Amino acid sequence: MAQFGIPVAPVVLPERAVFHHSVGSGRTAQEAEPESKAAADIALLWNWVCDQVNMPSHKQDDTKTR
């Protein structure tokens, strides 16, 4: 991918039990175990993706605009 000028995420998502367990209950790793390594892995990936598309990675507080 990199040879075609497409950035490759530097974040690796290892197999973690919480990924499997959370899917069974219809939740994400962040919802099931917010302090877990899996949640941190996903946060790193999300931050990288947001950087790539020039988008803030945090939830914006829209109460200030009302």
Protein backbone atom coordinates (compact mmCIF):
# COMPACT_ATOMS: atom_id res chain seq x y z
CA MET A 1 0.00 0.00 0.00
CA ALA A 2 2.74 2.44 0.93
CA GLN A 3 4.34 1.98 -2.48
CA PHE A 4 1.15 3.42 -4.00
CA GLY A 5 1.21 6.43 -1.70
CA ILE A 6 -1.53 5.08 0.55
CA PRO A 7 -0.65 5.49 4.22
CA VAL A 8 -0.59 2.33 6.30
CA ALA A 9 -1.68 2.59 9.90
CA PRO A 10 1.24 2.13 12.29
CA VAL A 11 -1.15 0.69 14.87
CA VAL A 12 -1.32 -3.07 15.34
CA LEU A 13 -4.48 -4.62 16.75
CA PRO A 14 -3.40 -7.83 18.43
CA GLU A 15 -5.94 -10.50 19.21
CA ARG A 16 -7.42 -9.70 22.58
CA ALA A 17 -10.14 -11.62 24.38
CA VAL A 18 -12.22 -8.50 25.00
CA PHE A 19 -12.70 -8.04 21.24
CA HIS A 20 -14.37 -11.46 21.07
CA HIS A 21 -16.34 -11.06 24.28
CA SER A 22 -17.66 -7.60 23.48
CA VAL A 23 -18.92 -8.60 20.03
CA GLY A 24 -21.04 -11.31 21.60
CA SER A 25 -22.85 -8.70 23.67
CA GLY A 26 -23.11 -6.16 20.85
CA ARG A 27 -20.62 -3.75 22.37
CA THR A 28 -17.20 -2.42 21.49
CA ALA A 29 -14.08 -3.08 23.52
CA GLN A 30 -14.26 0.51 24.77
CA GLU A 31 -17.79 -0.04 26.06
CA ALA A 32 -17.08 -3.45 27.58
CA GLU A 33 -13.75 -2.65 29.21
CA PRO A 34 -12.89 1.05 28.81
CA GLU A 35 -9.59 0.77 30.70
CA SER A 36 -8.37 -2.31 28.81
CA LYS A 37 -5.41 -2.60 26.45
CA ALA A 38 -7.91 -3.35 23.67
CA ALA A 39 -9.68 -0.04 24.27
CA ALA A 40 -6.31 1.74 24.21
CA ASP A 41 -5.41 -0.02 20.94
CA ILE A 42 -8.64 1.16 19.32
CA ALA A 43 -8.12 4.69 20.63
CA LEU A 44 -4.66 4.79 19.05
CA LEU A 45 -6.07 3.62 15.72
CA TRP A 46 -8.94 6.11 15.89
CA ASN A 47 -6.55 8.98 16.62
CA TRP A 48 -4.36 7.99 13.66
CA VAL A 49 -7.36 7.78 11.31
CA CYS A 50 -8.61 11.17 12.49
CA ASP A 51 -5.17 12.67 11.86
CA GLN A 52 -5.21 11.26 8.33
CA VAL A 53 -8.52 12.94 7.47
CA ASN A 54 -7.86 16.12 9.46
CA MET A 55 -10.71 15.50 11.87
CA PRO A 56 -10.79 16.02 15.63
CA SER A 57 -10.51 12.71 17.46
CA HIS A 58 -12.54 13.74 20.47
CA LYS A 59 -16.27 14.17 20.76
CA GLN A 60 -17.04 17.84 20.33
CA ASP A 61 -19.16 19.60 22.90
CA ASP A 62 -22.01 21.02 20.84
CA THR A 63 -23.64 22.75 23.83
CA LYS A 64 -21.36 25.74 23.24
CA THR A 65 -22.91 26.36 19.84
CA ARG A 66 -26.49 26.44 21.12
